[in-house]
PDB file of all heavy atoms in Angstrom:
ATOM      1  N   LYS A   1     100.115 105.890 117.379  1.00  0.00           N
ATOM      2  CA  LYS A   1     101.121 106.058 116.357  1.00  0.00           C
ATOM      3  C   LYS A   1     101.634 104.785 116.058  1.00  0.00           C
ATOM      4  O   LYS A   1     102.880 104.369 116.262  1.00  0.00           O
ATOM      5  CB  LYS A   1     102.196 107.032 116.904  1.00  0.00           C
ATOM      6  CG  LYS A   1     101.695 108.436 117.084  1.00  0.00           C
ATOM      7  CD  LYS A   1     102.833 109.358 117.448  1.00  0.00           C
ATOM      8  CE  LYS A   1     102.377 110.736 117.757  1.00  0.00           C
ATOM      9  NZ  LYS A   1     103.389 111.709 118.120  1.00  0.00           N
ATOM     10  N   PRO A   2     100.909 103.842 115.385  1.00  0.00           N
ATOM     11  CA  PRO A   2     101.318 102.502 115.177  1.00  0.00           C
ATOM     12  C   PRO A   2     102.397 102.424 114.130  1.00  0.00           C
ATOM     13  O   PRO A   2     103.085 101.373 114.082  1.00  0.00           O
ATOM     14  CB  PRO A   2     100.051 101.800 114.618  1.00  0.00           C
ATOM     15  CG  PRO A   2      99.192 102.872 114.083  1.00  0.00           C
ATOM     16  CD  PRO A   2      99.529 104.070 114.917  1.00  0.00           C
ATOM     17  N   ALA A   3     102.706 103.340 113.255  1.00  0.00           N
ATOM     18  CA  ALA A   3     103.702 103.236 112.179  1.00  0.00           C
ATOM     19  C   ALA A   3     105.051 103.822 112.684  1.00  0.00           C
ATOM     20  O   ALA A   3     105.941 103.800 111.863  1.00  0.00           O
ATOM     21  CB  ALA A   3     103.255 104.020 110.958  1.00  0.00           C
ATOM     22  N   ALA A   4     105.159 104.132 113.919  1.00  0.00           N
ATOM     23  CA  ALA A   4     106.507 104.641 114.444  1.00  0.00           C
ATOM     24  C   ALA A   4     107.467 103.489 114.394  1.00  0.00           C
ATOM     25  O   ALA A   4     107.233 102.423 115.023  1.00  0.00           O
ATOM     26  CB  ALA A   4     106.332 105.189 115.798  1.00  0.00           C
ATOM     27  N   THR A   5     108.649 103.659 113.821  1.00  0.00           N
ATOM     28  CA  THR A   5     109.659 102.559 113.743  1.00  0.00           C
ATOM     29  C   THR A   5     110.403 102.396 115.035  1.00  0.00           C
ATOM     30  O   THR A   5     110.631 103.440 115.719  1.00  0.00           O
ATOM     31  CB  THR A   5     110.573 102.825 112.545  1.00  0.00           C
ATOM     32  OG1 THR A   5     111.130 104.066 112.629  1.00  0.00           O
ATOM     33  CG2 THR A   5     109.809 102.702 111.216  1.00  0.00           C
ATOM     34  N   PRO A   6     110.915 101.289 115.326  1.00  0.00           N
ATOM     35  CA  PRO A   6     111.613 101.050 116.500  1.00  0.00           C
ATOM     36  C   PRO A   6     113.108 101.617 116.528  1.00  0.00           C
ATOM     37  O   PRO A   6     113.675 101.985 115.407  1.00  0.00           O
ATOM     38  CB  PRO A   6     111.687  99.514 116.765  1.00  0.00           C
ATOM     39  CG  PRO A   6     111.698  99.050 115.308  1.00  0.00           C
ATOM     40  CD  PRO A   6     110.736  99.974 114.533  1.00  0.00           C
ATOM     41  N   LEU A   7     113.704 101.649 117.634  1.00  0.00           N
ATOM     42  CA  LEU A   7     115.118 102.107 117.710  1.00  0.00           C
ATOM     43  C   LEU A   7     116.058 100.969 118.296  1.00  0.00           C
ATOM     44  O   LEU A   7     115.459 100.071 118.931  1.00  0.00           O
ATOM     45  CB  LEU A   7     115.192 103.335 118.686  1.00  0.00           C
ATOM     46  CG  LEU A   7     114.457 104.606 118.277  1.00  0.00           C
ATOM     47  CD1 LEU A   7     114.621 105.655 119.452  1.00  0.00           C
ATOM     48  CD2 LEU A   7     114.881 105.127 116.968  1.00  0.00           C
ATOM     49  N   GLY A   8     117.257 101.097 118.020  1.00  0.00           N
ATOM     50  CA  GLY A   8     118.232 100.185 118.682  1.00  0.00           C
ATOM     51  C   GLY A   8     118.497  98.913 117.915  1.00  0.00           C
ATOM     52  O   GLY A   8     119.454  98.121 118.155  1.00  0.00           O
ATOM     53  N   ILE A   9     117.740  98.656 116.850  1.00  0.00           N
ATOM     54  CA  ILE A   9     118.029  97.550 115.869  1.00  0.00           C
ATOM     55  C   ILE A   9     118.857  98.167 114.834  1.00  0.00           C
ATOM     56  O   ILE A   9     118.397  98.819 113.870  1.00  0.00           O
ATOM     57  CB  ILE A   9     116.749  96.921 115.342  1.00  0.00           C
ATOM     58  CG1 ILE A   9     115.765  96.442 116.422  1.00  0.00           C
ATOM     59  CG2 ILE A   9     117.107  95.753 114.455  1.00  0.00           C
ATOM     60  CD1 ILE A   9     116.293  95.360 117.322  1.00  0.00           C
ATOM     61  N   ASN A  10     120.212  97.982 114.928  1.00  0.00           N
ATOM     62  CA  ASN A  10     121.159  98.711 114.207  1.00  0.00           C
ATOM     63  C   ASN A  10     121.450  98.069 112.872  1.00  0.00           C
ATOM     64  O   ASN A  10     121.669  98.827 111.926  1.00  0.00           O
ATOM     65  CB  ASN A  10     122.462  98.966 114.990  1.00  0.00           C
ATOM     66  CG  ASN A  10     122.197  99.766 116.211  1.00  0.00           C
ATOM     67  OD1 ASN A  10     121.368 100.703 116.209  1.00  0.00           O
ATOM     68  ND2 ASN A  10     122.886  99.381 117.321  1.00  0.00           N
ATOM     69  N   ASN A  11     121.575  96.767 112.782  1.00  0.00           N
ATOM     70  CA  ASN A  11     121.910  96.173 111.512  1.00  0.00           C
ATOM     71  C   ASN A  11     121.099  94.911 111.398  1.00  0.00           C
ATOM     72  O   ASN A  11     121.042  94.078 112.329  1.00  0.00           O
ATOM     73  CB  ASN A  11     123.395  95.814 111.388  1.00  0.00           C
ATOM     74  CG  ASN A  11     124.305  97.098 111.314  1.00  0.00           C
ATOM     75  OD1 ASN A  11     124.432  97.664 110.262  1.00  0.00           O
ATOM     76  ND2 ASN A  11     124.830  97.462 112.431  1.00  0.00           N
ATOM     77  N   VAL A  12     120.551  94.666 110.169  1.00  0.00           N
ATOM     78  CA  VAL A  12     119.747  93.466 109.904  1.00  0.00           C
ATOM     79  C   VAL A  12     120.288  92.837 108.581  1.00  0.00           C
ATOM     80  O   VAL A  12     120.333  93.684 107.532  1.00  0.00           O
ATOM     81  CB  VAL A  12     118.265  93.675 109.951  1.00  0.00           C
ATOM     82  CG1 VAL A  12     117.576  92.377 109.580  1.00  0.00           C
ATOM     83  CG2 VAL A  12     117.792  94.298 111.151  1.00  0.00           C
ATOM     84  N   MET A  13     120.615  91.594 108.557  1.00  0.00           N
ATOM     85  CA  MET A  13     121.216  91.003 107.364  1.00  0.00           C
ATOM     86  C   MET A  13     120.242  89.813 106.985  1.00  0.00           C
ATOM     87  O   MET A  13     119.906  89.033 107.905  1.00  0.00           O
ATOM     88  CB  MET A  13     122.541  90.529 107.664  1.00  0.00           C
ATOM     89  CG  MET A  13     123.282  89.828 106.517  1.00  0.00           C
ATOM     90  SD  MET A  13     124.989  89.329 106.916  1.00  0.00           S
ATOM     91  CE  MET A  13     125.775  90.928 106.875  1.00  0.00           C
ATOM     92  N   VAL A  14     119.982  89.681 105.728  1.00  0.00           N
ATOM     93  CA  VAL A  14     119.106  88.622 105.161  1.00  0.00           C
ATOM     94  C   VAL A  14     119.818  87.928 104.136  1.00  0.00           C
ATOM     95  O   VAL A  14     120.230  88.583 103.094  1.00  0.00           O
ATOM     96  CB  VAL A  14     117.685  89.140 104.738  1.00  0.00           C
ATOM     97  CG1 VAL A  14     116.932  88.018 104.142  1.00  0.00           C
ATOM     98  CG2 VAL A  14     116.902  89.774 105.838  1.00  0.00           C
ATOM     99  N   ASN A  15     120.130  86.696 104.306  1.00  0.00           N
ATOM    100  CA  ASN A  15     120.967  85.973 103.257  1.00  0.00           C
ATOM    101  C   ASN A  15     122.202  86.665 102.936  1.00  0.00           C
ATOM    102  O   ASN A  15     122.574  86.663 101.703  1.00  0.00           O
ATOM    103  CB  ASN A  15     120.037  85.721 102.001  1.00  0.00           C
ATOM    104  CG  ASN A  15     118.732  84.809 102.288  1.00  0.00           C
ATOM    105  OD1 ASN A  15     118.863  83.775 102.873  1.00  0.00           O
ATOM    106  ND2 ASN A  15     117.704  85.277 101.890  1.00  0.00           N
ATOM    107  N   GLY A  16     122.874  87.201 103.851  1.00  0.00           N
ATOM    108  CA  GLY A  16     124.113  87.749 103.746  1.00  0.00           C
ATOM    109  C   GLY A  16     124.158  89.230 103.271  1.00  0.00           C
ATOM    110  O   GLY A  16     125.207  89.793 103.069  1.00  0.00           O
ATOM    111  N   GLU A  17     122.943  89.805 103.081  1.00  0.00           N
ATOM    112  CA  GLU A  17     122.886  91.134 102.533  1.00  0.00           C
ATOM    113  C   GLU A  17     122.211  92.053 103.564  1.00  0.00           C
ATOM    114  O   GLU A  17     121.106  91.729 104.053  1.00  0.00           O
ATOM    115  CB  GLU A  17     122.103  91.172 101.208  1.00  0.00           C
ATOM    116  CG  GLU A  17     121.949  92.602 100.578  1.00  0.00           C
ATOM    117  CD  GLU A  17     121.224  92.604  99.271  1.00  0.00           C
ATOM    118  OE1 GLU A  17     121.319  91.556  98.526  1.00  0.00           O
ATOM    119  OE2 GLU A  17     120.569  93.612  98.951  1.00  0.00           O
ATOM    120  N   LEU A  18     122.772  93.178 103.882  1.00  0.00           N
ATOM    121  CA  LEU A  18     122.228  94.196 104.733  1.00  0.00           C
ATOM    122  C   LEU A  18     120.865  94.755 104.186  1.00  0.00           C
ATOM    123  O   LEU A  18     120.838  95.163 103.042  1.00  0.00           O
ATOM    124  CB  LEU A  18     123.078  95.297 105.026  1.00  0.00           C
ATOM    125  CG  LEU A  18     124.233  94.943 106.017  1.00  0.00           C
ATOM    126  CD1 LEU A  18     125.282  96.168 106.134  1.00  0.00           C
ATOM    127  CD2 LEU A  18     123.782  94.506 107.467  1.00  0.00           C
ATOM    128  N   ILE A  19     119.817  94.716 105.026  1.00  0.00           N
ATOM    129  CA  ILE A  19     118.641  95.395 104.682  1.00  0.00           C
ATOM    130  C   ILE A  19     118.371  96.579 105.595  1.00  0.00           C
ATOM    131  O   ILE A  19     117.655  97.500 105.273  1.00  0.00           O
ATOM    132  CB  ILE A  19     117.394  94.510 104.690  1.00  0.00           C
ATOM    133  CG1 ILE A  19     116.992  93.999 106.153  1.00  0.00           C
ATOM    134  CG2 ILE A  19     117.529  93.417 103.694  1.00  0.00           C
ATOM    135  CD1 ILE A  19     115.672  93.463 106.248  1.00  0.00           C
ATOM    136  N   VAL A  20     119.139  96.591 106.843  1.00  0.00           N
ATOM    137  CA  VAL A  20     119.086  97.681 107.730  1.00  0.00           C
ATOM    138  C   VAL A  20     120.527  98.059 108.111  1.00  0.00           C
ATOM    139  O   VAL A  20     121.184  97.024 108.415  1.00  0.00           O
ATOM    140  CB  VAL A  20     118.227  97.381 109.047  1.00  0.00           C
ATOM    141  CG1 VAL A  20     118.360  98.513 110.016  1.00  0.00           C
ATOM    142  CG2 VAL A  20     116.767  97.208 108.616  1.00  0.00           C
ATOM    143  N   GLU A  21     120.959  99.219 107.950  1.00  0.00           N
ATOM    144  CA  GLU A  21     122.367  99.673 108.263  1.00  0.00           C
ATOM    145  C   GLU A  21     122.299 100.805 109.178  1.00  0.00           C
ATOM    146  O   GLU A  21     121.630 101.845 108.823  1.00  0.00           O
ATOM    147  CB  GLU A  21     123.050  99.871 107.060  1.00  0.00           C
ATOM    148  CG  GLU A  21     124.545 100.166 107.210  1.00  0.00           C
ATOM    149  CD  GLU A  21     125.407 100.183 106.043  1.00  0.00           C
ATOM    150  OE1 GLU A  21     124.747 100.458 104.955  1.00  0.00           O
ATOM    151  OE2 GLU A  21     126.672 100.173 106.079  1.00  0.00           O
ATOM    152  N   ASN A  22     122.926 100.820 110.309  1.00  0.00           N
ATOM    153  CA  ASN A  22     122.964 101.812 111.299  1.00  0.00           C
ATOM    154  C   ASN A  22     121.553 102.363 111.643  1.00  0.00           C
ATOM    155  O   ASN A  22     121.247 103.612 111.669  1.00  0.00           O
ATOM    156  CB  ASN A  22     123.857 103.037 110.696  1.00  0.00           C
ATOM    157  CG  ASN A  22     125.253 102.634 110.488  1.00  0.00           C
ATOM    158  OD1 ASN A  22     125.909 101.876 111.305  1.00  0.00           O
ATOM    159  ND2 ASN A  22     125.957 103.134 109.472  1.00  0.00           N
ATOM    160  N   GLY A  23     120.628 101.455 111.682  1.00  0.00           N
ATOM    161  CA  GLY A  23     119.337 101.691 112.103  1.00  0.00           C
ATOM    162  C   GLY A  23     118.332 102.248 111.038  1.00  0.00           C
ATOM    163  O   GLY A  23     117.227 102.555 111.271  1.00  0.00           O
ATOM    164  N   GLU A  24     118.933 102.208 109.791  1.00  0.00           N
ATOM    165  CA  GLU A  24     118.077 102.768 108.692  1.00  0.00           C
ATOM    166  C   GLU A  24     117.769 101.698 107.665  1.00  0.00           C
ATOM    167  O   GLU A  24     118.666 100.959 107.273  1.00  0.00           O
ATOM    168  CB  GLU A  24     118.716 103.953 107.985  1.00  0.00           C
ATOM    169  CG  GLU A  24     118.909 105.138 108.844  1.00  0.00           C
ATOM    170  CD  GLU A  24     117.681 105.822 109.312  1.00  0.00           C
ATOM    171  OE1 GLU A  24     116.727 105.729 108.527  1.00  0.00           O
ATOM    172  OE2 GLU A  24     117.645 106.455 110.343  1.00  0.00           O
ATOM    173  N   LEU A  25     116.540 101.591 107.215  1.00  0.00           N
ATOM    174  CA  LEU A  25     116.211 100.713 106.154  1.00  0.00           C
ATOM    175  C   LEU A  25     116.937 100.990 104.823  1.00  0.00           C
ATOM    176  O   LEU A  25     116.946 102.222 104.481  1.00  0.00           O
ATOM    177  CB  LEU A  25     114.656 100.737 105.894  1.00  0.00           C
ATOM    178  CG  LEU A  25     114.111  99.741 104.843  1.00  0.00           C
ATOM    179  CD1 LEU A  25     114.135  98.364 105.327  1.00  0.00           C
ATOM    180  CD2 LEU A  25     112.728 100.163 104.294  1.00  0.00           C
ATOM    181  N   ILE A  26     117.456 100.068 104.219  1.00  0.00           N
ATOM    182  CA  ILE A  26     118.196 100.253 102.900  1.00  0.00           C
ATOM    183  C   ILE A  26     117.074 100.132 101.780  1.00  0.00           C
ATOM    184  O   ILE A  26     116.703  98.885 101.465  1.00  0.00           O
ATOM    185  CB  ILE A  26     119.376  99.306 102.698  1.00  0.00           C
ATOM    186  CG1 ILE A  26     120.307  99.488 103.761  1.00  0.00           C
ATOM    187  CG2 ILE A  26     119.935  99.583 101.245  1.00  0.00           C
ATOM    188  CD1 ILE A  26     121.519  98.484 103.753  1.00  0.00           C
ATOM    189  N   ILE A  27     116.556 101.175 101.228  1.00  0.00           N
ATOM    190  CA  ILE A  27     115.482 101.096 100.219  1.00  0.00           C
ATOM    191  C   ILE A  27     116.131 100.353  98.926  1.00  0.00           C
ATOM    192  O   ILE A  27     117.230 100.717  98.539  1.00  0.00           O
ATOM    193  CB  ILE A  27     115.101 102.443  99.828  1.00  0.00           C
ATOM    194  CG1 ILE A  27     114.517 103.302 101.091  1.00  0.00           C
ATOM    195  CG2 ILE A  27     113.964 102.346  98.745  1.00  0.00           C
ATOM    196  CD1 ILE A  27     113.281 102.581 101.814  1.00  0.00           C
ATOM    197  N   GLY A  28     115.414  99.509  98.525  1.00  0.00           N
ATOM    198  CA  GLY A  28     115.926  98.790  97.293  1.00  0.00           C
ATOM    199  C   GLY A  28     116.677  97.458  97.605  1.00  0.00           C
ATOM    200  O   GLY A  28     116.889  96.594  96.660  1.00  0.00           O
ATOM    201  N   SER A  29     117.069  97.173  98.863  1.00  0.00           N
ATOM    202  CA  SER A  29     117.643  95.984  99.244  1.00  0.00           C
ATOM    203  C   SER A  29     116.615  94.859  99.216  1.00  0.00           C
ATOM    204  O   SER A  29     115.636  95.013 100.059  1.00  0.00           O
ATOM    205  CB  SER A  29     118.394  96.117 100.542  1.00  0.00           C
ATOM    206  OG  SER A  29     118.998  94.941 100.894  1.00  0.00           O
ATOM    207  N   ALA A  30     116.727  93.841  98.497  1.00  0.00           N
ATOM    208  CA  ALA A  30     115.666  92.865  98.327  1.00  0.00           C
ATOM    209  C   ALA A  30     116.226  91.463  98.361  1.00  0.00           C
ATOM    210  O   ALA A  30     115.986  90.682  97.387  1.00  0.00           O
ATOM    211  CB  ALA A  30     114.866  93.132  97.036  1.00  0.00           C
ATOM    212  N   PRO A  31     116.893  91.003  99.338  1.00  0.00           N
ATOM    213  CA  PRO A  31     117.453  89.588  99.345  1.00  0.00           C
ATOM    214  C   PRO A  31     116.491  88.592  99.744  1.00  0.00           C
ATOM    215  O   PRO A  31     116.824  87.357  99.956  1.00  0.00           O
ATOM    216  CB  PRO A  31     118.635  89.763 100.285  1.00  0.00           C
ATOM    217  CG  PRO A  31     118.106  90.806 101.349  1.00  0.00           C
ATOM    218  CD  PRO A  31     117.299  91.817 100.479  1.00  0.00           C
ATOM    219  N   GLY A  32     115.228  88.876 100.076  1.00  0.00           N
ATOM    220  CA  GLY A  32     114.239  87.968 100.625  1.00  0.00           C
ATOM    221  C   GLY A  32     114.037  86.830  99.575  1.00  0.00           C
ATOM    222  O   GLY A  32     113.895  87.018  98.421  1.00  0.00           O
ATOM    223  N   GLN A  33     113.880  85.608 100.211  1.00  0.00           N
ATOM    224  CA  GLN A  33     113.729  84.371  99.385  1.00  0.00           C
ATOM    225  C   GLN A  33     112.465  83.656  99.870  1.00  0.00           C
ATOM    226  O   GLN A  33     112.057  83.744 100.991  1.00  0.00           O
ATOM    227  CB  GLN A  33     114.918  83.441  99.489  1.00  0.00           C
ATOM    228  CG  GLN A  33     116.232  84.046  98.926  1.00  0.00           C
ATOM    229  CD  GLN A  33     116.109  84.297  97.451  1.00  0.00           C
ATOM    230  OE1 GLN A  33     115.673  83.414  96.665  1.00  0.00           O
ATOM    231  NE2 GLN A  33     116.576  85.419  96.908  1.00  0.00           N
ATOM    232  N   PRO A  34     111.833  82.942  98.899  1.00  0.00           N
ATOM    233  CA  PRO A  34     110.669  82.141  99.267  1.00  0.00           C
ATOM    234  C   PRO A  34     110.969  80.969 100.257  1.00  0.00           C
ATOM    235  O   PRO A  34     111.985  80.273  99.945  1.00  0.00           O
ATOM    236  CB  PRO A  34     110.089  81.665  97.959  1.00  0.00           C
ATOM    237  CG  PRO A  34     111.267  81.662  97.021  1.00  0.00           C
ATOM    238  CD  PRO A  34     112.140  82.734  97.543  1.00  0.00           C
ATOM    239  N   ILE A  35     110.215  80.781 101.340  1.00  0.00           N
ATOM    240  CA  ILE A  35     110.355  79.642 102.109  1.00  0.00           C
ATOM    241  C   ILE A  35     109.088  78.709 101.661  1.00  0.00           C
ATOM    242  O   ILE A  35     107.921  79.114 101.771  1.00  0.00           O
ATOM    243  CB  ILE A  35     110.159  79.927 103.590  1.00  0.00           C
ATOM    244  CG1 ILE A  35     111.208  81.020 104.067  1.00  0.00           C
ATOM    245  CG2 ILE A  35     110.297  78.719 104.415  1.00  0.00           C
ATOM    246  CD1 ILE A  35     112.671  80.583 103.847  1.00  0.00           C
ATOM    247  N   ARG A  36     109.501  77.570 101.061  1.00  0.00           N
ATOM    248  CA  ARG A  36     108.452  76.757 100.420  1.00  0.00           C
ATOM    249  C   ARG A  36     108.809  75.378 100.441  1.00  0.00           C
ATOM    250  O   ARG A  36     110.003  74.985 100.206  1.00  0.00           O
ATOM    251  CB  ARG A  36     108.279  77.357  98.924  1.00  0.00           C
ATOM    252  CG  ARG A  36     107.120  76.746  98.146  1.00  0.00           C
ATOM    253  CD  ARG A  36     107.046  77.491  96.817  1.00  0.00           C
ATOM    254  NE  ARG A  36     105.909  77.124  95.980  1.00  0.00           N
ATOM    255  CZ  ARG A  36     105.573  77.674  94.834  1.00  0.00           C
ATOM    256  NH1 ARG A  36     106.357  78.466  94.217  1.00  0.00           N
ATOM    257  NH2 ARG A  36     104.475  77.229  94.219  1.00  0.00           N
ATOM    258  N   ARG A  37     107.809  74.416 100.496  1.00  0.00           N
ATOM    259  CA  ARG A  37     108.076  73.081 100.260  1.00  0.00           C
ATOM    260  C   ARG A  37     108.124  72.809  98.767  1.00  0.00           C
ATOM    261  O   ARG A  37     107.810  73.477  97.923  1.00  0.00           O
ATOM    262  CB  ARG A  37     107.036  72.205 100.925  1.00  0.00           C
ATOM    263  CG  ARG A  37     106.930  72.334 102.408  1.00  0.00           C
ATOM    264  CD  ARG A  37     105.662  71.689 102.934  1.00  0.00           C
ATOM    265  NE  ARG A  37     105.497  70.311 102.543  1.00  0.00           N
ATOM    266  CZ  ARG A  37     104.594  69.918 101.698  1.00  0.00           C
ATOM    267  NH1 ARG A  37     103.876  70.755 101.036  1.00  0.00           N
ATOM    268  NH2 ARG A  37     104.504  68.755 101.344  1.00  0.00           N
TER     269      ARG A  37
END
C-alpha cells in the first residue's frame, strides 16, 4: 500500500502559506516556487 499517507505531520507551511493543516492537504494551495540559478 505505497500510497497510504503518513500521520502526525500536522501542519506544513511553504513560503508562509499552509499546504497541510491539521494533517490534511489543502487542495489548491500552491505556494511552491522554483529553485533555480
